[in-house]
N, C-alpha and C. Protein backbone atom coordinates (compact mmCIF):
# COMPACT_ATOMS: atom_id res chain seq x y z
N GLN A 1 7.01 8.16 -0.13
CA GLN A 1 4.61 7.42 0.11
C GLN A 1 5.24 6.43 -0.04
N LEU A 2 5.16 4.72 -0.28
CA LEU A 2 5.27 4.14 -1.33
C LEU A 2 3.94 4.27 -2.79
N GLN A 3 3.35 3.92 -3.48
CA GLN A 3 2.73 3.32 -4.39
C GLN A 3 2.57 1.93 -4.78
N LEU A 4 1.72 1.29 -5.79
CA LEU A 4 1.73 -0.12 -6.28
C LEU A 4 1.27 0.68 -6.70
N VAL A 5 1.52 -0.04 -7.91
CA VAL A 5 0.21 0.37 -9.70
C VAL A 5 0.45 -0.52 -10.02
N GLU A 6 -0.97 -1.88 -9.90
CA GLU A 6 -0.84 -3.47 -10.83
C GLU A 6 -1.26 -2.72 -12.42
N SER A 7 -1.38 -3.18 -13.88
CA SER A 7 -1.37 -3.74 -14.34
C SER A 7 -1.47 -4.85 -14.57
N GLY A 8 -2.17 -5.09 -16.26
CA GLY A 8 -1.80 -5.67 -16.99
C GLY A 8 -2.98 -7.20 -16.77
N GLY A 9 -3.92 -6.28 -16.47
CA GLY A 9 -4.89 -7.14 -16.25
C GLY A 9 -6.10 -7.11 -17.43
N GLY A 10 -7.19 -8.14 -17.31
CA GLY A 10 -8.52 -8.43 -18.52
C GLY A 10 -8.39 -9.38 -18.70
N LEU A 11 -9.26 -9.89 -20.11
CA LEU A 11 -10.56 -10.41 -20.45
C LEU A 11 -8.95 -11.43 -20.98
N VAL A 12 -9.12 -13.39 -20.88
CA VAL A 12 -8.51 -14.16 -21.42
C VAL A 12 -8.95 -16.09 -21.70
N GLN A 13 -9.48 -16.34 -22.61
CA GLN A 13 -9.87 -17.74 -22.42
C GLN A 13 -8.90 -18.32 -21.24
N PRO A 14 -9.63 -19.08 -21.07
CA PRO A 14 -9.54 -21.01 -20.69
C PRO A 14 -7.87 -21.46 -21.21
N GLY A 15 -6.88 -21.37 -20.72
CA GLY A 15 -5.99 -21.73 -21.25
C GLY A 15 -4.42 -21.08 -21.96
N GLY A 16 -5.54 -19.44 -21.19
CA GLY A 16 -4.42 -19.14 -22.44
C GLY A 16 -3.31 -18.30 -21.01
N SER A 17 -3.36 -17.01 -21.04
CA SER A 17 -1.88 -16.43 -21.27
C SER A 17 -1.98 -15.05 -20.28
N LEU A 18 -1.76 -14.83 -18.95
CA LEU A 18 -1.11 -12.95 -18.98
C LEU A 18 0.61 -12.76 -18.02
N ARG A 19 -0.16 -11.43 -18.50
CA ARG A 19 1.51 -10.78 -17.21
C ARG A 19 1.54 -9.89 -15.94
N LEU A 20 1.36 -10.12 -15.79
CA LEU A 20 0.72 -8.86 -14.83
C LEU A 20 2.36 -8.03 -14.16
N SER A 21 1.91 -6.93 -13.88
CA SER A 21 2.95 -5.91 -13.39
C SER A 21 2.27 -5.20 -12.35
N CYS A 22 3.46 -4.95 -11.41
CA CYS A 22 3.77 -4.31 -9.91
C CYS A 22 4.27 -3.46 -10.02
N ALA A 23 4.41 -2.11 -10.34
CA ALA A 23 5.41 -0.94 -10.83
C ALA A 23 4.61 -0.79 -9.17
N ALA A 24 6.13 0.29 -8.78
CA ALA A 24 6.25 0.71 -6.97
C ALA A 24 7.66 2.36 -7.17
N SER A 25 6.70 3.37 -6.77
CA SER A 25 7.28 4.84 -6.76
C SER A 25 7.55 4.69 -5.17
N GLY A 26 8.62 5.95 -5.08
CA GLY A 26 8.64 6.73 -3.45
C GLY A 26 9.74 5.27 -2.51
N ILE A 27 10.54 4.06 -2.87
CA ILE A 27 10.78 3.73 -2.05
C ILE A 27 11.70 2.58 -3.07
N PRO A 28 12.96 2.36 -2.99
CA PRO A 28 13.44 1.08 -3.68
C PRO A 28 13.19 -0.52 -3.16
N LEU A 29 12.43 -0.92 -4.46
CA LEU A 29 11.46 -3.05 -3.99
C LEU A 29 12.88 -3.68 -3.36
N ASP A 30 14.39 -3.55 -3.79
CA ASP A 30 15.02 -4.84 -3.36
C ASP A 30 15.24 -4.48 -2.75
N ARG A 31 15.31 -4.12 -1.40
CA ARG A 31 15.07 -4.98 -0.20
C ARG A 31 13.97 -5.53 1.06
N PHE A 32 13.07 -5.43 0.20
CA PHE A 32 11.72 -6.06 0.32
C PHE A 32 10.62 -7.43 -0.07
N THR A 33 10.74 -8.26 0.80
CA THR A 33 9.76 -9.28 -0.18
C THR A 33 8.02 -8.31 -0.62
N VAL A 34 7.95 -9.54 -2.12
CA VAL A 34 6.60 -8.49 -2.29
C VAL A 34 6.23 -9.95 -2.77
N GLY A 35 4.60 -9.79 -2.62
CA GLY A 35 3.98 -11.24 -2.78
C GLY A 35 2.09 -10.61 -3.72
N TRP A 36 2.08 -11.34 -4.50
CA TRP A 36 0.66 -11.19 -5.01
C TRP A 36 -0.55 -11.98 -4.77
N PHE A 37 -1.66 -10.98 -4.82
CA PHE A 37 -2.92 -11.94 -4.14
C PHE A 37 -3.95 -11.93 -4.62
N ARG A 38 -4.90 -13.05 -4.80
CA ARG A 38 -6.02 -11.95 -5.51
C ARG A 38 -7.39 -12.69 -4.20
N GLN A 39 -8.17 -11.39 -4.61
CA GLN A 39 -8.93 -12.00 -3.98
C GLN A 39 -10.49 -12.11 -5.02
N ALA A 40 -11.70 -13.54 -4.80
CA ALA A 40 -12.33 -14.18 -6.03
C ALA A 40 -13.90 -13.43 -5.74
N PRO A 41 -14.74 -13.47 -6.12
CA PRO A 41 -15.60 -13.18 -5.73
C PRO A 41 -16.92 -13.62 -4.75
N GLY A 42 -17.23 -12.88 -3.71
CA GLY A 42 -17.72 -14.44 -2.09
C GLY A 42 -16.64 -14.98 -1.33
N LYS A 43 -15.11 -14.08 -2.07
CA LYS A 43 -14.41 -15.04 -1.15
C LYS A 43 -13.07 -14.42 -0.23
N GLU A 44 -11.96 -15.13 0.76
CA GLU A 44 -10.84 -14.20 1.27
C GLU A 44 -10.05 -14.32 -0.25
N ARG A 45 -9.36 -12.33 0.11
CA ARG A 45 -8.26 -13.16 -0.21
C ARG A 45 -7.24 -14.22 0.00
N GLU A 46 -6.47 -14.43 -0.40
CA GLU A 46 -5.41 -15.55 -0.13
C GLU A 46 -3.63 -14.79 -1.49
N GLY A 47 -3.13 -15.74 -0.53
CA GLY A 47 -2.07 -14.82 -1.61
C GLY A 47 -1.41 -16.77 -2.20
N VAL A 48 -0.62 -15.61 -4.04
CA VAL A 48 -0.54 -16.55 -4.51
C VAL A 48 0.95 -16.67 -4.88
N ALA A 49 1.14 -15.71 -4.62
CA ALA A 49 3.00 -16.00 -4.64
C ALA A 49 3.18 -14.90 -4.68
N SER A 50 4.41 -15.02 -3.45
CA SER A 50 5.75 -13.93 -3.33
C SER A 50 6.99 -14.22 -3.46
N ILE A 51 7.79 -13.11 -3.82
CA ILE A 51 9.30 -12.96 -3.99
C ILE A 51 9.84 -12.47 -2.43
N SER A 52 11.41 -13.67 -2.88
CA SER A 52 12.24 -12.31 -1.50
C SER A 52 12.88 -10.94 -1.76
N SER A 53 13.76 -10.54 -0.43
CA SER A 53 14.15 -9.52 -1.37
C SER A 53 15.06 -9.62 -2.84
N GLY A 54 15.78 -10.92 -2.22
CA GLY A 54 17.08 -10.95 -3.01
C GLY A 54 16.63 -11.62 -4.58
N GLY A 55 15.21 -11.76 -4.29
CA GLY A 55 14.47 -12.56 -5.08
C GLY A 55 15.26 -14.83 -5.22
N ARG A 56 15.72 -14.29 -4.24
CA ARG A 56 16.04 -15.75 -3.93
C ARG A 56 15.25 -16.96 -3.70
N THR A 57 14.31 -16.94 -3.28
CA THR A 57 13.36 -17.38 -2.69
C THR A 57 12.05 -16.86 -2.80
N THR A 58 11.18 -17.83 -3.81
CA THR A 58 9.68 -18.11 -4.01
C THR A 58 9.01 -18.76 -2.71
N ALA A 59 7.32 -18.58 -2.74
CA ALA A 59 5.98 -19.01 -2.38
C ALA A 59 5.01 -19.00 -3.34
N TYR A 60 4.34 -19.80 -3.23
CA TYR A 60 3.91 -20.27 -3.77
C TYR A 60 2.11 -20.85 -3.85
N VAL A 61 1.09 -20.54 -3.68
CA VAL A 61 0.00 -21.56 -3.07
C VAL A 61 -0.06 -22.61 -4.20
N ASP A 62 -0.56 -23.24 -3.66
CA ASP A 62 -0.09 -24.98 -4.59
C ASP A 62 -1.34 -24.99 -6.16
N SER A 63 -2.88 -24.18 -6.08
CA SER A 63 -2.59 -24.22 -6.81
C SER A 63 -2.67 -23.70 -8.24
N VAL A 64 -1.24 -23.43 -7.97
CA VAL A 64 -1.46 -22.39 -9.07
C VAL A 64 0.56 -22.53 -10.10
N LYS A 65 1.20 -23.45 -8.35
CA LYS A 65 2.51 -23.76 -9.08
C LYS A 65 2.61 -24.66 -10.25
N GLY A 66 3.08 -24.36 -10.90
CA GLY A 66 3.58 -25.05 -12.70
C GLY A 66 2.80 -24.15 -13.21
N ARG A 67 2.05 -23.33 -13.02
CA ARG A 67 1.63 -22.21 -14.03
C ARG A 67 2.34 -20.74 -13.92
N PHE A 68 2.50 -20.11 -12.79
CA PHE A 68 2.34 -18.76 -12.68
C PHE A 68 3.76 -18.49 -11.70
N THR A 69 4.89 -17.36 -12.23
CA THR A 69 5.79 -17.83 -12.16
C THR A 69 5.97 -15.76 -11.90
N ILE A 70 6.85 -15.43 -10.45
CA ILE A 70 6.68 -13.98 -9.69
C ILE A 70 8.46 -14.00 -10.35
N SER A 71 8.45 -13.12 -10.29
CA SER A 71 9.83 -12.30 -11.19
C SER A 71 10.68 -11.26 -10.32
N ARG A 72 11.18 -10.59 -10.01
CA ARG A 72 11.55 -8.94 -9.79
C ARG A 72 12.63 -8.66 -10.87
N ASP A 73 12.42 -6.89 -11.47
CA ASP A 73 13.35 -6.58 -12.08
C ASP A 73 13.34 -5.53 -11.53
N ASN A 74 14.86 -4.94 -9.96
CA ASN A 74 14.17 -3.81 -9.05
C ASN A 74 15.73 -3.00 -10.43
N THR A 75 15.73 -3.28 -10.96
CA THR A 75 16.20 -2.21 -12.38
C THR A 75 14.82 -1.28 -12.32
N LYS A 76 13.67 -1.78 -12.13
CA LYS A 76 12.63 -1.34 -12.75
C LYS A 76 11.30 -0.93 -11.75
N ASN A 77 11.84 -1.22 -10.76
CA ASN A 77 11.16 -0.88 -9.60
C ASN A 77 9.66 -1.71 -9.17
N THR A 78 10.22 -3.21 -10.24
CA THR A 78 8.96 -3.51 -10.61
C THR A 78 8.87 -5.24 -10.44
N ILE A 79 7.85 -5.04 -9.86
CA ILE A 79 6.99 -7.37 -10.03
C ILE A 79 6.40 -7.66 -11.06
N TYR A 80 6.70 -9.09 -11.72
CA TYR A 80 5.85 -9.65 -12.42
C TYR A 80 4.85 -11.50 -11.47
N LEU A 81 3.64 -11.05 -11.84
CA LEU A 81 3.20 -12.21 -12.66
C LEU A 81 3.22 -12.83 -13.70
N GLN A 82 3.70 -14.39 -13.63
CA GLN A 82 3.31 -14.34 -15.57
C GLN A 82 2.55 -15.34 -15.00
N MET A 83 1.43 -15.83 -15.40
CA MET A 83 -0.27 -16.17 -15.36
C MET A 83 0.33 -17.26 -16.46
N ASN A 84 0.13 -18.76 -16.61
CA ASN A 84 0.68 -19.06 -17.72
C ASN A 84 -0.96 -20.32 -17.35
N SER A 85 -1.41 -21.02 -18.67
CA SER A 85 -2.38 -22.35 -18.37
C SER A 85 -4.23 -21.76 -17.87
N LEU A 86 -4.50 -20.20 -17.65
CA LEU A 86 -5.04 -20.21 -16.71
C LEU A 86 -6.85 -20.64 -16.53
N LYS A 87 -7.42 -21.06 -15.83
CA LYS A 87 -8.35 -22.06 -15.60
C LYS A 87 -9.36 -20.72 -15.03
N ALA A 88 -10.95 -21.12 -14.96
CA ALA A 88 -11.56 -19.94 -13.82
C ALA A 88 -11.98 -20.07 -12.95
N GLU A 89 -11.18 -20.49 -12.54
CA GLU A 89 -10.58 -20.29 -10.82
C GLU A 89 -9.90 -19.29 -11.06
N ASP A 90 -9.55 -19.03 -11.49
CA ASP A 90 -7.93 -17.69 -11.59
C ASP A 90 -8.95 -16.87 -11.15
N THR A 91 -10.05 -16.47 -11.61
CA THR A 91 -10.95 -15.44 -12.07
C THR A 91 -10.92 -14.76 -11.05
N ALA A 92 -10.30 -13.90 -10.78
CA ALA A 92 -9.80 -12.38 -9.36
C ALA A 92 -9.28 -11.02 -9.30
N VAL A 93 -9.24 -10.44 -8.44
CA VAL A 93 -8.65 -9.20 -8.38
C VAL A 93 -7.11 -9.75 -7.80
N TYR A 94 -6.83 -8.70 -8.34
CA TYR A 94 -5.60 -9.61 -7.71
C TYR A 94 -4.46 -7.65 -7.97
N SER A 95 -3.93 -7.68 -6.42
CA SER A 95 -3.14 -7.32 -5.88
C SER A 95 -2.27 -7.56 -5.61
N CYS A 96 -0.82 -6.60 -5.92
CA CYS A 96 0.56 -6.88 -5.04
C CYS A 96 0.47 -6.43 -3.62
N ALA A 97 1.65 -6.39 -3.03
CA ALA A 97 1.52 -6.08 -1.20
C ALA A 97 3.15 -6.04 -1.33
N VAL A 98 3.55 -5.16 -0.57
CA VAL A 98 4.63 -5.44 -0.20
C VAL A 98 5.60 -5.16 1.79
N GLU A 99 5.77 -5.97 2.05
CA GLU A 99 6.41 -7.05 3.40
C GLU A 99 7.06 -5.60 3.54
N LEU A 100 6.88 -4.58 4.42
CA LEU A 100 8.18 -3.18 4.62
C LEU A 100 9.37 -4.04 6.14
N ASP A 101 9.60 -4.94 6.01
CA ASP A 101 10.59 -5.00 7.33
C ASP A 101 11.73 -6.11 6.19
N PRO A 102 12.17 -5.01 5.93
CA PRO A 102 13.60 -5.84 4.96
C PRO A 102 13.58 -7.23 5.37
N PHE A 103 14.23 -7.64 4.04
CA PHE A 103 15.32 -8.68 4.05
C PHE A 103 15.18 -10.15 4.28
N GLN A 104 13.83 -9.63 4.69
CA GLN A 104 12.97 -11.35 5.09
C GLN A 104 12.80 -12.07 3.43
N GLY A 105 11.99 -13.45 4.46
CA GLY A 105 12.14 -14.69 3.33
C GLY A 105 10.19 -14.57 1.83
N ALA A 106 10.52 -15.14 0.87
CA ALA A 106 8.86 -14.94 1.03
C ALA A 106 7.39 -15.41 2.40
N THR A 107 7.09 -15.14 1.90
CA THR A 107 5.28 -15.48 2.65
C THR A 107 4.41 -15.48 1.88
N LEU A 108 3.67 -16.08 2.13
CA LEU A 108 2.19 -15.95 2.07
C LEU A 108 1.17 -15.55 2.91
N ASN A 109 1.71 -14.72 4.09
CA ASN A 109 0.88 -14.95 5.38
C ASN A 109 0.65 -13.01 4.19
N LEU A 110 -0.64 -13.11 4.78
CA LEU A 110 -1.39 -12.20 4.38
C LEU A 110 -1.13 -10.56 5.40
N ASP A 111 -0.30 -11.43 6.47
CA ASP A 111 -0.04 -9.82 8.26
C ASP A 111 0.72 -9.66 8.11
N ALA A 112 1.53 -10.48 7.13
CA ALA A 112 2.91 -9.55 6.96
C ALA A 112 3.42 -8.66 6.13
N TYR A 113 2.35 -7.83 5.50
CA TYR A 113 2.42 -7.39 4.26
C TYR A 113 1.64 -6.08 5.07
N ASP A 114 2.39 -4.69 4.31
CA ASP A 114 1.98 -3.53 4.77
C ASP A 114 1.24 -3.25 3.75
N SER A 115 1.48 -2.93 3.03
CA SER A 115 1.25 -1.99 1.57
C SER A 115 0.97 -2.40 1.01
N TRP A 116 -0.73 -2.19 -0.11
CA TRP A 116 -1.11 -2.30 -0.99
C TRP A 116 -1.28 -1.69 -2.42
N GLY A 117 -1.34 -2.87 -3.43
CA GLY A 117 -1.84 -1.83 -4.44
C GLY A 117 -3.23 -2.01 -4.23
N GLN A 118 -4.21 -1.67 -4.91
CA GLN A 118 -5.63 -1.24 -5.55
C GLN A 118 -6.09 -2.21 -6.70
N GLY A 119 -5.31 -2.60 -7.14
CA GLY A 119 -5.83 -4.52 -8.08
C GLY A 119 -5.62 -4.32 -8.99
N THR A 120 -6.23 -5.19 -9.94
CA THR A 120 -6.07 -5.14 -11.56
C THR A 120 -7.10 -6.73 -11.42
N ARG A 121 -7.68 -6.30 -12.65
CA ARG A 121 -8.93 -7.38 -12.36
C ARG A 121 -8.64 -9.04 -13.84
N VAL A 122 -8.84 -9.60 -13.03
CA VAL A 122 -8.15 -10.73 -14.28
C VAL A 122 -9.66 -11.90 -14.23
N THR A 123 -9.77 -12.07 -15.59
CA THR A 123 -10.93 -12.42 -15.80
C THR A 123 -11.14 -13.26 -16.48
N VAL A 124 -10.92 -15.29 -16.76
CA VAL A 124 -11.27 -16.23 -17.39
C VAL A 124 -11.91 -16.60 -17.98
N SER A 125 -12.62 -16.44 -19.44
CA SER A 125 -13.43 -17.00 -19.62
C SER A 125 -13.95 -17.34 -21.48
N SER A 126 -14.39 -18.10 -21.48
CA SER A 126 -14.56 -18.38 -23.20
C SER A 126 -15.62 -17.76 -23.18
């Protein structure tokens, strides 16, 4: 059974950085697309970044392009989200998710994802 556990969230000042991790157990992630999503208070969940199974393609929401980087370490069965130049509007609960249809490209479409983690909270505030 697939389990996803996020970590790395916390409180950071505007302009700061955080690295989120999504550790998977139960299946090898190397053949699956993985995405990071976030949900801010009072807002709908949105796709932030996605990476294909081989890591060749990525996708980012416009608001984080140039600031966030998604990567994967298949040897550790872990996906990362490096977040730099954080802004107050990045405050949200961040969750990772896996698309269980193998060998697909990167996508920010929430409906494509089948398994979700519980999330880690990121607060950007001075």
